[in-house]
Amino acid sequence: MTDSRAPHPAIRQLVAELTMLRLVRGVTQERIAARLDVTTATVAKWEGGTRSPSSRHLAELAAMLGCELALVEAAPGEEAAR
């Protein structure tokens, strides 16, 4: 059975790239969670591929890590974990 809330493969790849950038920059999941007003567990779910961040959270995460997202659209039915 597949979780309908699991991220689209393109979103999963984008999150994986942002995760690598987070690690390179030395930013913790705790810092991201505090800045985006989500739980650390939520950030871990994004990075683990079990939940998808909202486009707003993706944009904020990219800005926090110093990169730009031209356009981020989640696949239909995807919601941010709260």
PDB file of N, CA and C in Angstrom:
ATOM      1  N   MET A   1       0.840  -1.179   0.000  1.00  0.00           N
ATOM      2  CA  MET A   1       0.000   0.000   0.000  1.00  0.00           C
ATOM      3  C   MET A   1       0.886   1.243   0.000  1.00  0.00           C
ATOM      4  N   THR A   2       0.641   2.170  -0.882  1.00  0.00           N
ATOM      5  CA  THR A   2       1.436   3.381  -1.005  1.00  0.00           C
ATOM      6  C   THR A   2       0.768   4.523  -0.242  1.00  0.00           C
ATOM      7  N   ASP A   3       1.573   5.292   0.464  1.00  0.00           N
ATOM      8  CA  ASP A   3       1.066   6.452   1.196  1.00  0.00           C
ATOM      9  C   ASP A   3       0.772   7.561   0.199  1.00  0.00           C
ATOM     10  N   SER A   4      -0.478   7.977   0.102  1.00  0.00           N
ATOM     11  CA  SER A   4      -0.865   9.017  -0.858  1.00  0.00           C
ATOM     12  C   SER A   4      -0.257  10.366  -0.517  1.00  0.00           C
ATOM     13  N   ARG A   5       0.289  10.510   0.686  1.00  0.00           N
ATOM     14  CA  ARG A   5       0.915  11.770   1.076  1.00  0.00           C
ATOM     15  C   ARG A   5       2.409  11.782   0.786  1.00  0.00           C
ATOM     16  N   ALA A   6       2.957  10.688   0.272  1.00  0.00           N
ATOM     17  CA  ALA A   6       4.381  10.627  -0.048  1.00  0.00           C
ATOM     18  C   ALA A   6       4.677  11.607  -1.183  1.00  0.00           C
ATOM     19  N   PRO A   7       5.834  12.217  -1.148  1.00  0.00           N
ATOM     20  CA  PRO A   7       6.177  13.216  -2.161  1.00  0.00           C
ATOM     21  C   PRO A   7       6.305  12.645  -3.566  1.00  0.00           C
ATOM     22  N   HIS A   8       6.005  13.470  -4.526  1.00  0.00           N
ATOM     23  CA  HIS A   8       6.240  13.177  -5.929  1.00  0.00           C
ATOM     24  C   HIS A   8       7.754  13.005  -6.099  1.00  0.00           C
ATOM     25  N   PRO A   9       8.213  12.132  -7.000  1.00  0.00           N
ATOM     26  CA  PRO A   9       9.654  11.918  -7.177  1.00  0.00           C
ATOM     27  C   PRO A   9      10.452  13.208  -7.430  1.00  0.00           C
ATOM     28  N   ALA A  10       9.901  14.152  -8.154  1.00  0.00           N
ATOM     29  CA  ALA A  10      10.615  15.411  -8.411  1.00  0.00           C
ATOM     30  C   ALA A  10      10.784  16.222  -7.129  1.00  0.00           C
ATOM     31  N   ILE A  11       9.760  16.223  -6.280  1.00  0.00           N
ATOM     32  CA  ILE A  11       9.854  16.928  -5.000  1.00  0.00           C
ATOM     33  C   ILE A  11      10.858  16.207  -4.108  1.00  0.00           C
ATOM     34  N   ARG A  12      10.817  14.881  -4.122  1.00  0.00           N
ATOM     35  CA  ARG A  12      11.767  14.090  -3.328  1.00  0.00           C
ATOM     36  C   ARG A  12      13.209  14.423  -3.724  1.00  0.00           C
ATOM     37  N   GLN A  13      13.467  14.544  -5.027  1.00  0.00           N
ATOM     38  CA  GLN A  13      14.813  14.878  -5.513  1.00  0.00           C
ATOM     39  C   GLN A  13      15.215  16.283  -5.068  1.00  0.00           C
ATOM     40  N   LEU A  14      14.298  17.220  -5.164  1.00  0.00           N
ATOM     41  CA  LEU A  14      14.578  18.588  -4.738  1.00  0.00           C
ATOM     42  C   LEU A  14      14.910  18.632  -3.249  1.00  0.00           C
ATOM     43  N   VAL A  15      14.131  17.920  -2.435  1.00  0.00           N
ATOM     44  CA  VAL A  15      14.383  17.881  -0.996  1.00  0.00           C
ATOM     45  C   VAL A  15      15.736  17.228  -0.723  1.00  0.00           C
ATOM     46  N   ALA A  16      16.088  16.189  -1.476  1.00  0.00           N
ATOM     47  CA  ALA A  16      17.384  15.529  -1.298  1.00  0.00           C
ATOM     48  C   ALA A  16      18.523  16.505  -1.571  1.00  0.00           C
ATOM     49  N   GLU A  17      18.380  17.316  -2.606  1.00  0.00           N
ATOM     50  CA  GLU A  17      19.407  18.307  -2.923  1.00  0.00           C
ATOM     51  C   GLU A  17      19.490  19.384  -1.841  1.00  0.00           C
ATOM     52  N   LEU A  18      18.338  19.818  -1.336  1.00  0.00           N
ATOM     53  CA  LEU A  18      18.339  20.806  -0.260  1.00  0.00           C
ATOM     54  C   LEU A  18      18.922  20.209   1.028  1.00  0.00           C
ATOM     55  N   THR A  19      18.680  18.921   1.255  1.00  0.00           N
ATOM     56  CA  THR A  19      19.251  18.249   2.424  1.00  0.00           C
ATOM     57  C   THR A  19      20.772  18.234   2.336  1.00  0.00           C
ATOM     58  N   MET A  20      21.304  17.900   1.166  1.00  0.00           N
ATOM     59  CA  MET A  20      22.763  17.904   0.990  1.00  0.00           C
ATOM     60  C   MET A  20      23.330  19.301   1.230  1.00  0.00           C
ATOM     61  N   LEU A  21      22.644  20.304   0.726  1.00  0.00           N
ATOM     62  CA  LEU A  21      23.086  21.686   0.933  1.00  0.00           C
ATOM     63  C   LEU A  21      23.035  22.035   2.420  1.00  0.00           C
ATOM     64  N   ARG A  22      21.998  21.577   3.108  1.00  0.00           N
ATOM     65  CA  ARG A  22      21.877  21.814   4.552  1.00  0.00           C
ATOM     66  C   ARG A  22      23.078  21.223   5.280  1.00  0.00           C
ATOM     67  N   LEU A  23      23.428  19.995   4.936  1.00  0.00           N
ATOM     68  CA  LEU A  23      24.545  19.320   5.582  1.00  0.00           C
ATOM     69  C   LEU A  23      25.878  20.025   5.296  1.00  0.00           C
ATOM     70  N   VAL A  24      26.070  20.415   4.046  1.00  0.00           N
ATOM     71  CA  VAL A  24      27.297  21.121   3.670  1.00  0.00           C
ATOM     72  C   VAL A  24      27.423  22.442   4.427  1.00  0.00           C
ATOM     73  N   ARG A  25      26.304  23.117   4.609  1.00  0.00           N
ATOM     74  CA  ARG A  25      26.318  24.413   5.292  1.00  0.00           C
ATOM     75  C   ARG A  25      26.319  24.280   6.818  1.00  0.00           C
ATOM     76  N   GLY A  26      26.163  23.058   7.313  1.00  0.00           N
ATOM     77  CA  GLY A  26      26.181  22.839   8.759  1.00  0.00           C
ATOM     78  C   GLY A  26      24.922  23.300   9.478  1.00  0.00           C
ATOM     79  N   VAL A  27      23.806  23.306   8.779  1.00  0.00           N
ATOM     80  CA  VAL A  27      22.529  23.721   9.369  1.00  0.00           C
ATOM     81  C   VAL A  27      21.818  22.480   9.911  1.00  0.00           C
ATOM     82  N   THR A  28      21.327  22.549  11.127  1.00  0.00           N
ATOM     83  CA  THR A  28      20.646  21.407  11.737  1.00  0.00           C
ATOM     84  C   THR A  28      19.167  21.368  11.366  1.00  0.00           C
ATOM     85  N   GLN A  29      18.592  20.177  11.501  1.00  0.00           N
ATOM     86  CA  GLN A  29      17.145  20.049  11.318  1.00  0.00           C
ATOM     87  C   GLN A  29      16.419  20.889  12.358  1.00  0.00           C
ATOM     88  N   GLU A  30      16.957  20.979  13.548  1.00  0.00           N
ATOM     89  CA  GLU A  30      16.337  21.772  14.608  1.00  0.00           C
ATOM     90  C   GLU A  30      16.254  23.251  14.225  1.00  0.00           C
ATOM     91  N   ARG A  31      17.322  23.752  13.633  1.00  0.00           N
ATOM     92  CA  ARG A  31      17.335  25.166  13.211  1.00  0.00           C
ATOM     93  C   ARG A  31      16.311  25.415  12.111  1.00  0.00           C
ATOM     94  N   ILE A  32      16.235  24.495  11.164  1.00  0.00           N
ATOM     95  CA  ILE A  32      15.244  24.623  10.086  1.00  0.00           C
ATOM     96  C   ILE A  32      13.835  24.585  10.666  1.00  0.00           C
ATOM     97  N   ALA A  33      13.594  23.633  11.551  1.00  0.00           N
ATOM     98  CA  ALA A  33      12.265  23.497  12.159  1.00  0.00           C
ATOM     99  C   ALA A  33      11.865  24.780  12.878  1.00  0.00           C
ATOM    100  N   ALA A  34      12.774  25.339  13.642  1.00  0.00           N
ATOM    101  CA  ALA A  34      12.473  26.568  14.383  1.00  0.00           C
ATOM    102  C   ALA A  34      12.182  27.723  13.429  1.00  0.00           C
ATOM    103  N   ARG A  35      12.969  27.833  12.388  1.00  0.00           N
ATOM    104  CA  ARG A  35      12.809  28.937  11.432  1.00  0.00           C
ATOM    105  C   ARG A  35      11.509  28.824  10.638  1.00  0.00           C
ATOM    106  N   LEU A  36      11.114  27.575  10.309  1.00  0.00           N
ATOM    107  CA  LEU A  36       9.914  27.370   9.493  1.00  0.00           C
ATOM    108  C   LEU A  36       8.664  27.112  10.325  1.00  0.00           C
ATOM    109  N   ASP A  37       8.832  27.130  11.655  1.00  0.00           N
ATOM    110  CA  ASP A  37       7.719  26.912  12.582  1.00  0.00           C
ATOM    111  C   ASP A  37       7.040  25.569  12.355  1.00  0.00           C
ATOM    112  N   VAL A  38       7.872  24.534  12.242  1.00  0.00           N
ATOM    113  CA  VAL A  38       7.406  23.149  12.161  1.00  0.00           C
ATOM    114  C   VAL A  38       8.214  22.350  13.180  1.00  0.00           C
ATOM    115  N   THR A  39       7.857  21.099  13.368  1.00  0.00           N
ATOM    116  CA  THR A  39       8.616  20.274  14.302  1.00  0.00           C
ATOM    117  C   THR A  39       9.842  19.675  13.612  1.00  0.00           C
ATOM    118  N   THR A  40      10.801  19.278  14.433  1.00  0.00           N
ATOM    119  CA  THR A  40      11.976  18.592  13.903  1.00  0.00           C
ATOM    120  C   THR A  40      11.549  17.294  13.223  1.00  0.00           C
ATOM    121  N   ALA A  41      10.542  16.622  13.772  1.00  0.00           N
ATOM    122  CA  ALA A  41      10.030  15.391  13.157  1.00  0.00           C
ATOM    123  C   ALA A  41       9.505  15.665  11.749  1.00  0.00           C
ATOM    124  N   THR A  42       8.889  16.803  11.541  1.00  0.00           N
ATOM    125  CA  THR A  42       8.388  17.159  10.213  1.00  0.00           C
ATOM    126  C   THR A  42       9.538  17.303   9.231  1.00  0.00           C
ATOM    127  N   VAL A  43      10.592  18.000   9.638  1.00  0.00           N
ATOM    128  CA  VAL A  43      11.760  18.163   8.761  1.00  0.00           C
ATOM    129  C   VAL A  43      12.358  16.790   8.442  1.00  0.00           C
ATOM    130  N   ALA A  44      12.439  15.914   9.441  1.00  0.00           N
ATOM    131  CA  ALA A  44      12.964  14.564   9.226  1.00  0.00           C
ATOM    132  C   ALA A  44      12.090  13.789   8.237  1.00  0.00           C
ATOM    133  N   LYS A  45      10.778  13.958   8.314  1.00  0.00           N
ATOM    134  CA  LYS A  45       9.869  13.289   7.369  1.00  0.00           C
ATOM    135  C   LYS A  45      10.062  13.814   5.955  1.00  0.00           C
ATOM    136  N   TRP A  46      10.268  15.118   5.817  1.00  0.00           N
ATOM    137  CA  TRP A  46      10.552  15.684   4.498  1.00  0.00           C
ATOM    138  C   TRP A  46      11.810  15.044   3.940  1.00  0.00           C
ATOM    139  N   GLU A  47      12.862  15.055   4.758  1.00  0.00           N
ATOM    140  CA  GLU A  47      14.145  14.541   4.292  1.00  0.00           C
ATOM    141  C   GLU A  47      14.114  13.030   4.091  1.00  0.00           C
ATOM    142  N   GLY A  48      13.300  12.332   4.844  1.00  0.00           N
ATOM    143  CA  GLY A  48      13.178  10.888   4.706  1.00  0.00           C
ATOM    144  C   GLY A  48      12.270  10.454   3.579  1.00  0.00           C
ATOM    145  N   GLY A  49      11.562  11.405   2.980  1.00  0.00           N
ATOM    146  CA  GLY A  49      10.708  11.094   1.845  1.00  0.00           C
ATOM    147  C   GLY A  49       9.329  10.567   2.190  1.00  0.00           C
ATOM    148  N   THR A  50       8.922  10.704   3.456  1.00  0.00           N
ATOM    149  CA  THR A  50       7.586  10.220   3.809  1.00  0.00           C
ATOM    150  C   THR A  50       6.534  11.313   3.778  1.00  0.00           C
ATOM    151  N   ARG A  51       6.959  12.543   3.742  1.00  0.00           N
ATOM    152  CA  ARG A  51       6.040  13.686   3.634  1.00  0.00           C
ATOM    153  C   ARG A  51       6.666  14.730   2.724  1.00  0.00           C
ATOM    154  N   SER A  52       5.828  15.572   2.174  1.00  0.00           N
ATOM    155  CA  SER A  52       6.291  16.620   1.271  1.00  0.00           C
ATOM    156  C   SER A  52       6.076  17.995   1.893  1.00  0.00           C
ATOM    157  N   PRO A  53       7.097  18.835   1.845  1.00  0.00           N
ATOM    158  CA  PRO A  53       6.901  20.202   2.329  1.00  0.00           C
ATOM    159  C   PRO A  53       6.015  20.989   1.364  1.00  0.00           C
ATOM    160  N   SER A  54       5.327  21.963   1.889  1.00  0.00           N
ATOM    161  CA  SER A  54       4.532  22.838   1.029  1.00  0.00           C
ATOM    162  C   SER A  54       5.469  23.659   0.148  1.00  0.00           C
ATOM    163  N   SER A  55       4.949  24.227  -0.910  1.00  0.00           N
ATOM    164  CA  SER A  55       5.789  25.074  -1.759  1.00  0.00           C
ATOM    165  C   SER A  55       6.307  26.276  -0.988  1.00  0.00           C
ATOM    166  N   ARG A  56       5.524  26.786  -0.037  1.00  0.00           N
ATOM    167  CA  ARG A  56       5.993  27.906   0.800  1.00  0.00           C
ATOM    168  C   ARG A  56       7.183  27.463   1.635  1.00  0.00           C
ATOM    169  N   HIS A  57       7.082  26.270   2.248  1.00  0.00           N
ATOM    170  CA  HIS A  57       8.195  25.777   3.055  1.00  0.00           C
ATOM    171  C   HIS A  57       9.427  25.494   2.195  1.00  0.00           C
ATOM    172  N   LEU A  58       9.232  24.964   0.990  1.00  0.00           N
ATOM    173  CA  LEU A  58      10.365  24.736   0.097  1.00  0.00           C
ATOM    174  C   LEU A  58      11.062  26.043  -0.242  1.00  0.00           C
ATOM    175  N   ALA A  59      10.277  27.066  -0.553  1.00  0.00           N
ATOM    176  CA  ALA A  59      10.850  28.367  -0.894  1.00  0.00           C
ATOM    177  C   ALA A  59      11.596  28.962   0.298  1.00  0.00           C
ATOM    178  N   GLU A  60      11.027  28.863   1.496  1.00  0.00           N
ATOM    179  CA  GLU A  60      11.681  29.384   2.690  1.00  0.00           C
ATOM    180  C   GLU A  60      12.952  28.603   2.999  1.00  0.00           C
ATOM    181  N   LEU A  61      12.910  27.296   2.820  1.00  0.00           N
ATOM    182  CA  LEU A  61      14.071  26.461   3.054  1.00  0.00           C
ATOM    183  C   LEU A  61      15.195  26.817   2.084  1.00  0.00           C
ATOM    184  N   ALA A  62      14.846  26.977   0.815  1.00  0.00           N
ATOM    185  CA  ALA A  62      15.845  27.352  -0.185  1.00  0.00           C
ATOM    186  C   ALA A  62      16.464  28.707   0.155  1.00  0.00           C
ATOM    187  N   ALA A  63      15.646  29.671   0.540  1.00  0.00           N
ATOM    188  CA  ALA A  63      16.155  30.988   0.906  1.00  0.00           C
ATOM    189  C   ALA A  63      17.072  30.898   2.125  1.00  0.00           C
ATOM    190  N   MET A  64      16.678  30.094   3.092  1.00  0.00           N
ATOM    191  CA  MET A  64      17.476  29.916   4.301  1.00  0.00           C
ATOM    192  C   MET A  64      18.853  29.331   3.968  1.00  0.00           C
ATOM    193  N   LEU A  65      18.903  28.462   2.956  1.00  0.00           N
ATOM    194  CA  LEU A  65      20.149  27.817   2.575  1.00  0.00           C
ATOM    195  C   LEU A  65      20.897  28.587   1.488  1.00  0.00           C
ATOM    196  N   GLY A  66      20.336  29.729   1.087  1.00  0.00           N
ATOM    197  CA  GLY A  66      21.024  30.589   0.142  1.00  0.00           C
ATOM    198  C   GLY A  66      20.924  30.179  -1.310  1.00  0.00           C
ATOM    199  N   CYS A  67      19.841  29.534  -1.683  1.00  0.00           N
ATOM    200  CA  CYS A  67      19.628  29.212  -3.092  1.00  0.00           C
ATOM    201  C   CYS A  67      18.225  29.645  -3.493  1.00  0.00           C
ATOM    202  N   GLU A  68      17.973  29.656  -4.793  1.00  0.00           N
ATOM    203  CA  GLU A  68      16.677  30.121  -5.291  1.00  0.00           C
ATOM    204  C   GLU A  68      15.902  28.986  -5.942  1.00  0.00           C
ATOM    205  N   LEU A  69      14.616  29.050  -5.808  1.00  0.00           N
ATOM    206  CA  LEU A  69      13.729  28.132  -6.511  1.00  0.00           C
ATOM    207  C   LEU A  69      12.915  28.979  -7.477  1.00  0.00           C
ATOM    208  N   ALA A  70      13.053  28.704  -8.754  1.00  0.00           N
ATOM    209  CA  ALA A  70      12.317  29.485  -9.751  1.00  0.00           C
ATOM    210  C   ALA A  70      10.822  29.261  -9.608  1.00  0.00           C
ATOM    211  N   LEU A  71      10.434  28.016  -9.510  1.00  0.00           N
ATOM    212  CA  LEU A  71       9.018  27.689  -9.378  1.00  0.00           C
ATOM    213  C   LEU A  71       8.921  26.301  -8.775  1.00  0.00           C
ATOM    214  N   VAL A  72       8.177  26.200  -7.705  1.00  0.00           N
ATOM    215  CA  VAL A  72       7.990  24.901  -7.072  1.00  0.00           C
ATOM    216  C   VAL A  72       6.501  24.643  -6.995  1.00  0.00           C
ATOM    217  N   GLU A  73       6.076  23.578  -7.614  1.00  0.00           N
ATOM    218  CA  GLU A  73       4.681  23.183  -7.536  1.00  0.00           C
ATOM    219  C   GLU A  73       4.622  21.746  -7.073  1.00  0.00           C
ATOM    220  N   ALA A  74       3.965  21.512  -5.961  1.00  0.00           N
ATOM    221  CA  ALA A  74       3.808  20.144  -5.461  1.00  0.00           C
ATOM    222  C   ALA A  74       2.849  19.389  -6.379  1.00  0.00           C
ATOM    223  N   ALA A  75       3.021  18.091  -6.419  1.00  0.00           N
ATOM    224  CA  ALA A  75       2.088  17.254  -7.186  1.00  0.00           C
ATOM    225  C   ALA A  75       0.711  17.360  -6.564  1.00  0.00           C
ATOM    226  N   PRO A  76      -0.349  17.199  -7.333  1.00  0.00           N
ATOM    227  CA  PRO A  76      -1.703  17.302  -6.788  1.00  0.00           C
ATOM    228  C   PRO A  76      -1.902  16.414  -5.560  1.00  0.00           C
ATOM    229  N   GLY A  77      -2.543  16.973  -4.568  1.00  0.00           N
ATOM    230  CA  GLY A  77      -2.864  16.226  -3.369  1.00  0.00           C
ATOM    231  C   GLY A  77      -1.785  16.228  -2.304  1.00  0.00           C
ATOM    232  N   GLU A  78      -0.626  16.823  -2.570  1.00  0.00           N
ATOM    233  CA  GLU A  78       0.444  16.846  -1.576  1.00  0.00           C
ATOM    234  C   GLU A  78       0.250  18.016  -0.629  1.00  0.00           C
ATOM    235  N   GLU A  79       0.429  17.739   0.629  1.00  0.00           N
ATOM    236  CA  GLU A  79       0.295  18.748   1.672  1.00  0.00           C
ATOM    237  C   GLU A  79       1.554  18.711   2.538  1.00  0.00           C
ATOM    238  N   ALA A  80       1.828  19.803   3.199  1.00  0.00           N
ATOM    239  CA  ALA A  80       2.933  19.831   4.152  1.00  0.00           C
ATOM    240  C   ALA A  80       2.517  19.081   5.411  1.00  0.00           C
ATOM    241  N   ALA A  81       3.445  18.350   5.988  1.00  0.00           N
ATOM    242  CA  ALA A  81       3.181  17.712   7.281  1.00  0.00           C
ATOM    243  C   ALA A  81       3.224  18.793   8.350  1.00  0.00           C
ATOM    244  N   ARG A  82       2.354  18.676   9.309  1.00  0.00           N
ATOM    245  CA  ARG A  82       2.327  19.677  10.388  1.00  0.00           C
ATOM    246  C   ARG A  82       2.710  19.035  11.689  1.00  0.00           C
TER     247      ARG A  82
END
